[in-house]
């Protein structure tokens, strides 16, 4: 059963580049091996 806490957890996970949900919400199957380099590059844009 989903509730407000589950929704909050999912939202937080989708904003956390260290979490698979972040990458899945962006079309990836899971967190890539080079996830740190990719997120660092996004922050520089």
C-alpha atoms as a PDB file:
ATOM      1  CA  UNK A   1       0.000   0.000   0.000  1.00  0.00           C
ATOM      2  CA  UNK A   2       1.420   3.377  -1.024  1.00  0.00           C
ATOM      3  CA  UNK A   3       1.077   6.388   1.197  1.00  0.00           C
ATOM      4  CA  UNK A   4       2.500   9.879   1.556  1.00  0.00           C
ATOM      5  CA  UNK A   5       5.791   8.599   3.021  1.00  0.00           C
ATOM      6  CA  UNK A   6       6.289   6.243   0.069  1.00  0.00           C
ATOM      7  CA  UNK A   7       5.634   9.137  -2.310  1.00  0.00           C
ATOM      8  CA  UNK A   8       8.119  11.325  -0.430  1.00  0.00           C
ATOM      9  CA  UNK A   9      10.736   8.546  -0.445  1.00  0.00           C
ATOM     10  CA  UNK A  10      10.284   8.003  -4.182  1.00  0.00           C
ATOM     11  CA  UNK A  11      10.577  11.732  -4.860  1.00  0.00           C
ATOM     12  CA  UNK A  12      13.761  11.947  -2.790  1.00  0.00           C
ATOM     13  CA  UNK A  13      15.223   8.903  -4.545  1.00  0.00           C
ATOM     14  CA  UNK A  14      14.515  10.435  -7.959  1.00  0.00           C
ATOM     15  CA  UNK A  15      16.547  13.496  -6.929  1.00  0.00           C
ATOM     16  CA  UNK A  16      19.479  11.439  -5.616  1.00  0.00           C
ATOM     17  CA  UNK A  17      21.969  10.645  -8.393  1.00  0.00           C
ATOM     18  CA  UNK A  18      23.355   7.793  -6.262  1.00  0.00           C
ATOM     19  CA  UNK A  19      19.991   5.988  -6.467  1.00  0.00           C
ATOM     20  CA  UNK A  20      18.705   3.725  -9.251  1.00  0.00           C
ATOM     21  CA  UNK A  21      15.349   5.575  -9.179  1.00  0.00           C
ATOM     22  CA  UNK A  22      17.156   8.760 -10.281  1.00  0.00           C
ATOM     23  CA  UNK A  23      18.479   7.052 -13.387  1.00  0.00           C
ATOM     24  CA  UNK A  24      15.301   5.084 -14.070  1.00  0.00           C
ATOM     25  CA  UNK A  25      13.291   8.317 -14.043  1.00  0.00           C
ATOM     26  CA  UNK A  26      15.686   9.564 -16.725  1.00  0.00           C
ATOM     27  CA  UNK A  27      15.282   6.545 -19.001  1.00  0.00           C
ATOM     28  CA  UNK A  28      18.174   4.381 -17.823  1.00  0.00           C
ATOM     29  CA  UNK A  29      17.785   0.794 -16.599  1.00  0.00           C
ATOM     30  CA  UNK A  30      19.915   1.422 -13.519  1.00  0.00           C
ATOM     31  CA  UNK A  31      22.668   3.670 -12.199  1.00  0.00           C
ATOM     32  CA  UNK A  32      25.496   3.624 -14.776  1.00  0.00           C
ATOM     33  CA  UNK A  33      29.062   2.823 -13.754  1.00  0.00           C
ATOM     34  CA  UNK A  34      30.136   6.363 -14.678  1.00  0.00           C
ATOM     35  CA  UNK A  35      27.288   8.009 -12.743  1.00  0.00           C
ATOM     36  CA  UNK A  36      29.601  10.356 -10.824  1.00  0.00           C
ATOM     37  CA  UNK A  37      31.221  11.735 -13.962  1.00  0.00           C
ATOM     38  CA  UNK A  38      27.818  12.142 -15.619  1.00  0.00           C
ATOM     39  CA  UNK A  39      26.313  14.025 -12.685  1.00  0.00           C
ATOM     40  CA  UNK A  40      29.427  16.206 -12.350  1.00  0.00           C
ATOM     41  CA  UNK A  41      29.104  17.128 -16.030  1.00  0.00           C
ATOM     42  CA  UNK A  42      25.411  17.999 -15.572  1.00  0.00           C
ATOM     43  CA  UNK A  43      26.250  20.316 -12.684  1.00  0.00           C
ATOM     44  CA  UNK A  44      28.780  22.214 -14.816  1.00  0.00           C
ATOM     45  CA  UNK A  45      26.195  23.044 -17.537  1.00  0.00           C
END
